[in-house]
Amino acid sequence: MFFIALRSFDARTAAILPNSALLITTPNMDFVHAPVPKCETRMRRAYNFAKDDPLYWPQPFHQSVAHLAVIPYPSNASEHPLYYAWYQPASSDFLPNTS
């Protein structure tokens, strides 16, 4: 097989995203993955990160980070060793900053 050395502005593979003006290139892959949709990772009203919070919502699986799929199922039992990982804070858990 014949290979040509690629430089910084060369692309081995390219893809135009549908319904957008984006062209994605890669110098070292035979395909282009679909990009992750835009997400707004911010603290929500329930003091967690909603669907982007791996403690409360299933996350996409990928072989390279397979260990992230081992997050245990949430438990509200106070005797559970990971109780505070799933604890849902309330406004009363916070003190106002008076300075």
N, C-alpha and C. Protein backbone atom coordinates (compact mmCIF):
# COMPACT_ATOMS: atom_id res chain seq x y z
N MET A 1 0.84 -1.17 0.00
CA MET A 1 0.00 0.00 0.00
C MET A 1 0.89 1.24 0.00
N PHE A 2 0.45 2.27 -0.66
CA PHE A 2 1.23 3.49 -0.81
C PHE A 2 0.70 4.57 0.14
N PHE A 3 1.57 5.13 0.98
CA PHE A 3 1.17 6.16 1.93
C PHE A 3 1.90 7.46 1.63
N ILE A 4 1.19 8.55 1.72
CA ILE A 4 1.79 9.88 1.56
C ILE A 4 1.80 10.54 2.93
N ALA A 5 2.92 11.11 3.30
CA ALA A 5 3.00 11.81 4.58
C ALA A 5 2.08 13.03 4.56
N LEU A 6 1.21 13.11 5.54
CA LEU A 6 0.28 14.24 5.62
C LEU A 6 0.89 15.36 6.43
N ARG A 7 0.54 16.57 6.08
CA ARG A 7 1.02 17.74 6.79
C ARG A 7 -0.13 18.36 7.58
N SER A 8 0.14 19.46 8.27
CA SER A 8 -0.83 20.04 9.19
C SER A 8 -2.15 20.44 8.54
N PHE A 9 -2.16 20.83 7.29
CA PHE A 9 -3.40 21.25 6.65
C PHE A 9 -3.94 20.21 5.67
N ASP A 10 -3.40 19.00 5.69
CA ASP A 10 -3.90 17.92 4.85
C ASP A 10 -4.97 17.14 5.60
N ALA A 11 -5.78 16.41 4.86
CA ALA A 11 -6.81 15.58 5.49
C ALA A 11 -6.84 14.22 4.82
N ARG A 12 -6.87 13.20 5.64
CA ARG A 12 -7.02 11.85 5.11
C ARG A 12 -8.50 11.58 4.84
N THR A 13 -9.34 12.12 5.68
CA THR A 13 -10.79 11.97 5.55
C THR A 13 -11.45 13.29 5.89
N ALA A 14 -12.59 13.57 5.25
CA ALA A 14 -13.34 14.80 5.54
C ALA A 14 -14.83 14.50 5.47
N ALA A 15 -15.60 15.31 6.16
CA ALA A 15 -17.06 15.15 6.13
C ALA A 15 -17.70 16.52 6.32
N ILE A 16 -18.77 16.76 5.56
CA ILE A 16 -19.56 17.97 5.74
C ILE A 16 -20.76 17.59 6.58
N LEU A 17 -20.96 18.32 7.68
CA LEU A 17 -22.09 18.02 8.54
C LEU A 17 -23.39 18.46 7.90
N PRO A 18 -24.39 17.60 7.89
CA PRO A 18 -25.68 17.99 7.32
C PRO A 18 -26.29 19.15 8.10
N ASN A 19 -27.00 20.01 7.42
CA ASN A 19 -27.70 21.15 8.03
C ASN A 19 -26.76 22.10 8.76
N SER A 20 -25.52 22.17 8.32
CA SER A 20 -24.59 23.13 8.93
C SER A 20 -23.55 23.53 7.88
N ALA A 21 -22.74 24.46 8.25
CA ALA A 21 -21.68 24.91 7.35
C ALA A 21 -20.33 24.40 7.83
N LEU A 22 -20.32 23.27 8.53
CA LEU A 22 -19.08 22.76 9.11
C LEU A 22 -18.47 21.65 8.25
N LEU A 23 -17.18 21.75 8.06
CA LEU A 23 -16.39 20.72 7.40
C LEU A 23 -15.42 20.19 8.44
N ILE A 24 -15.48 18.89 8.69
CA ILE A 24 -14.59 18.26 9.67
C ILE A 24 -13.57 17.44 8.91
N THR A 25 -12.31 17.60 9.28
CA THR A 25 -11.24 16.83 8.64
C THR A 25 -10.45 16.09 9.71
N THR A 26 -9.79 15.03 9.30
CA THR A 26 -8.91 14.30 10.20
C THR A 26 -7.70 13.82 9.40
N PRO A 27 -6.50 13.98 9.94
CA PRO A 27 -5.31 13.56 9.21
C PRO A 27 -4.95 12.09 9.39
N ASN A 28 -5.61 11.38 10.33
CA ASN A 28 -5.14 10.03 10.64
C ASN A 28 -6.24 8.99 10.82
N MET A 29 -7.45 9.26 10.35
CA MET A 29 -8.56 8.30 10.49
C MET A 29 -9.14 7.99 9.12
N ASP A 30 -9.79 6.83 9.00
CA ASP A 30 -10.46 6.46 7.76
C ASP A 30 -11.93 6.89 7.75
N PHE A 31 -12.41 7.44 8.86
CA PHE A 31 -13.80 7.87 8.96
C PHE A 31 -13.87 9.05 9.93
N VAL A 32 -14.98 9.75 9.90
CA VAL A 32 -15.21 10.88 10.81
C VAL A 32 -16.43 10.53 11.66
N HIS A 33 -16.25 10.52 12.97
CA HIS A 33 -17.37 10.27 13.88
C HIS A 33 -18.33 11.46 13.85
N ALA A 34 -19.60 11.18 14.08
CA ALA A 34 -20.56 12.27 14.24
C ALA A 34 -20.21 13.00 15.54
N PRO A 35 -20.17 14.31 15.50
CA PRO A 35 -19.81 15.03 16.72
C PRO A 35 -20.89 14.90 17.79
N VAL A 36 -20.47 15.04 19.03
CA VAL A 36 -21.41 15.01 20.15
C VAL A 36 -22.28 16.26 20.06
N PRO A 37 -23.59 16.11 20.21
CA PRO A 37 -24.45 17.29 20.13
C PRO A 37 -24.11 18.30 21.22
N LYS A 38 -24.43 19.54 20.96
CA LYS A 38 -24.16 20.61 21.92
C LYS A 38 -24.89 20.32 23.22
N CYS A 39 -24.19 20.47 24.31
CA CYS A 39 -24.82 20.30 25.62
C CYS A 39 -24.44 21.48 26.49
N GLU A 40 -25.31 21.80 27.40
CA GLU A 40 -25.06 22.89 28.33
C GLU A 40 -24.79 22.30 29.70
N THR A 41 -23.53 22.06 29.99
CA THR A 41 -23.16 21.50 31.28
C THR A 41 -23.09 22.64 32.28
N ARG A 42 -24.13 22.74 33.06
CA ARG A 42 -24.20 23.78 34.09
C ARG A 42 -25.01 23.25 35.25
N MET A 43 -24.81 23.84 36.41
CA MET A 43 -25.56 23.43 37.58
C MET A 43 -27.03 23.73 37.37
N ARG A 44 -27.87 22.75 37.62
CA ARG A 44 -29.31 22.90 37.42
C ARG A 44 -30.00 23.19 38.75
N ARG A 45 -31.30 23.37 38.66
CA ARG A 45 -32.09 23.71 39.85
C ARG A 45 -31.96 22.65 40.94
N ALA A 46 -31.81 21.39 40.57
CA ALA A 46 -31.68 20.31 41.55
C ALA A 46 -30.23 20.11 42.00
N TYR A 47 -29.34 21.08 41.72
CA TYR A 47 -27.93 21.06 42.11
C TYR A 47 -27.18 19.86 41.53
N ASN A 48 -27.52 19.48 40.31
CA ASN A 48 -26.73 18.49 39.59
C ASN A 48 -26.61 18.98 38.14
N PHE A 49 -26.04 18.17 37.27
CA PHE A 49 -25.79 18.59 35.89
C PHE A 49 -26.76 17.94 34.90
N ALA A 50 -27.95 17.56 35.37
CA ALA A 50 -29.03 17.00 34.55
C ALA A 50 -28.53 15.84 33.70
N LYS A 51 -28.90 15.80 32.42
CA LYS A 51 -28.58 14.64 31.58
C LYS A 51 -27.09 14.49 31.32
N ASP A 52 -26.28 15.51 31.63
CA ASP A 52 -24.83 15.40 31.46
C ASP A 52 -24.13 14.92 32.73
N ASP A 53 -24.89 14.60 33.75
CA ASP A 53 -24.33 14.14 35.01
C ASP A 53 -24.31 12.61 35.03
N PRO A 54 -23.13 11.99 34.98
CA PRO A 54 -23.07 10.52 34.89
C PRO A 54 -23.58 9.82 36.14
N LEU A 55 -23.74 10.54 37.25
CA LEU A 55 -24.28 9.89 38.45
C LEU A 55 -25.78 9.69 38.38
N TYR A 56 -26.46 10.42 37.49
CA TYR A 56 -27.92 10.35 37.44
C TYR A 56 -28.47 9.85 36.11
N TRP A 57 -27.71 9.96 35.03
CA TRP A 57 -28.21 9.61 33.70
C TRP A 57 -27.23 8.67 33.01
N PRO A 58 -27.72 7.72 32.23
CA PRO A 58 -26.81 6.86 31.45
C PRO A 58 -25.98 7.70 30.48
N GLN A 59 -24.74 7.32 30.28
CA GLN A 59 -23.84 8.05 29.39
C GLN A 59 -23.53 7.20 28.16
N PRO A 60 -23.15 7.83 27.05
CA PRO A 60 -22.78 7.06 25.86
C PRO A 60 -21.60 6.13 26.17
N PHE A 61 -21.64 4.92 25.63
CA PHE A 61 -20.56 3.96 25.86
C PHE A 61 -19.54 4.03 24.74
N HIS A 62 -18.28 4.03 25.12
CA HIS A 62 -17.20 3.94 24.14
C HIS A 62 -16.12 3.04 24.72
N GLN A 63 -15.60 2.13 23.92
CA GLN A 63 -14.63 1.14 24.38
C GLN A 63 -13.42 1.78 25.05
N SER A 64 -12.97 2.93 24.58
CA SER A 64 -11.76 3.54 25.13
C SER A 64 -11.95 4.03 26.56
N VAL A 65 -13.19 4.27 26.98
CA VAL A 65 -13.47 4.70 28.35
C VAL A 65 -14.54 3.79 28.96
N ALA A 66 -14.38 2.50 28.73
CA ALA A 66 -15.38 1.52 29.17
C ALA A 66 -15.56 1.52 30.68
N HIS A 67 -14.53 1.91 31.43
CA HIS A 67 -14.63 1.91 32.89
C HIS A 67 -15.69 2.90 33.39
N LEU A 68 -16.05 3.90 32.61
CA LEU A 68 -17.06 4.86 33.06
C LEU A 68 -18.45 4.25 33.12
N ALA A 69 -18.65 3.12 32.49
CA ALA A 69 -19.96 2.45 32.52
C ALA A 69 -20.17 1.69 33.82
N VAL A 70 -19.20 1.67 34.70
CA VAL A 70 -19.28 0.90 35.93
C VAL A 70 -19.81 1.75 37.10
N ILE A 71 -20.36 2.90 36.84
CA ILE A 71 -20.92 3.73 37.90
C ILE A 71 -22.15 3.00 38.46
N PRO A 72 -22.20 2.77 39.77
CA PRO A 72 -23.32 2.03 40.35
C PRO A 72 -24.65 2.76 40.22
N TYR A 73 -25.72 1.99 40.35
CA TYR A 73 -27.07 2.55 40.31
C TYR A 73 -27.29 3.40 41.56
N PRO A 74 -27.88 4.58 41.43
CA PRO A 74 -28.09 5.45 42.61
C PRO A 74 -28.95 4.79 43.68
N SER A 75 -28.63 5.12 44.92
CA SER A 75 -29.40 4.62 46.06
C SER A 75 -29.68 5.79 47.00
N ASN A 76 -30.91 5.87 47.50
CA ASN A 76 -31.27 6.90 48.48
C ASN A 76 -31.14 6.40 49.91
N ALA A 77 -30.70 5.16 50.09
CA ALA A 77 -30.55 4.60 51.43
C ALA A 77 -29.37 5.26 52.14
N SER A 78 -29.61 5.84 53.31
CA SER A 78 -28.56 6.58 54.01
C SER A 78 -27.41 5.68 54.46
N GLU A 79 -27.63 4.37 54.57
CA GLU A 79 -26.56 3.46 54.97
C GLU A 79 -25.70 3.01 53.79
N HIS A 80 -26.09 3.35 52.57
CA HIS A 80 -25.31 2.98 51.39
C HIS A 80 -23.96 3.69 51.43
N PRO A 81 -22.85 2.99 51.13
CA PRO A 81 -21.52 3.63 51.22
C PRO A 81 -21.34 4.82 50.26
N LEU A 82 -22.12 4.89 49.20
CA LEU A 82 -22.00 6.02 48.27
C LEU A 82 -23.21 6.96 48.37
N TYR A 83 -23.85 6.98 49.52
CA TYR A 83 -25.05 7.79 49.72
C TYR A 83 -24.83 9.25 49.31
N TYR A 84 -23.71 9.83 49.70
CA TYR A 84 -23.49 11.25 49.43
C TYR A 84 -23.16 11.53 47.96
N ALA A 85 -22.80 10.52 47.21
CA ALA A 85 -22.58 10.73 45.77
C ALA A 85 -23.90 11.04 45.07
N TRP A 86 -25.00 10.49 45.59
CA TRP A 86 -26.31 10.71 44.97
C TRP A 86 -27.21 11.63 45.78
N TYR A 87 -26.68 12.16 46.87
CA TYR A 87 -27.49 13.05 47.71
C TYR A 87 -27.94 14.25 46.89
N GLN A 88 -29.21 14.55 46.96
CA GLN A 88 -29.77 15.71 46.24
C GLN A 88 -29.80 16.89 47.19
N PRO A 89 -28.87 17.83 47.06
CA PRO A 89 -28.85 18.97 47.97
C PRO A 89 -30.12 19.81 47.84
N ALA A 90 -30.47 20.44 48.93
CA ALA A 90 -31.58 21.38 48.95
C ALA A 90 -31.03 22.77 49.23
N SER A 91 -31.81 23.78 48.99
CA SER A 91 -31.36 25.16 49.25
C SER A 91 -30.94 25.34 50.70
N SER A 92 -31.59 24.62 51.60
CA SER A 92 -31.27 24.75 53.03
C SER A 92 -29.89 24.18 53.37
N ASP A 93 -29.27 23.43 52.47
CA ASP A 93 -27.93 22.89 52.71
C ASP A 93 -26.84 23.94 52.48
N PHE A 94 -27.19 25.09 51.95
CA PHE A 94 -26.22 26.12 51.62
C PHE A 94 -26.42 27.34 52.51
N LEU A 95 -25.30 27.97 52.86
CA LEU A 95 -25.35 29.20 53.64
C LEU A 95 -25.08 30.37 52.71
N PRO A 96 -25.81 31.48 52.87
CA PRO A 96 -25.55 32.64 52.01
C PRO A 96 -24.21 33.28 52.35
N ASN A 97 -23.57 33.82 51.36
CA ASN A 97 -22.31 34.53 51.55
C ASN A 97 -22.63 35.92 52.06
N THR A 98 -22.17 36.23 53.26
CA THR A 98 -22.49 37.53 53.87
C THR A 98 -21.35 38.52 53.76
N SER A 99 -20.29 38.18 53.10
CA SER A 99 -19.16 39.12 53.00
C SER A 99 -19.27 39.99 51.77
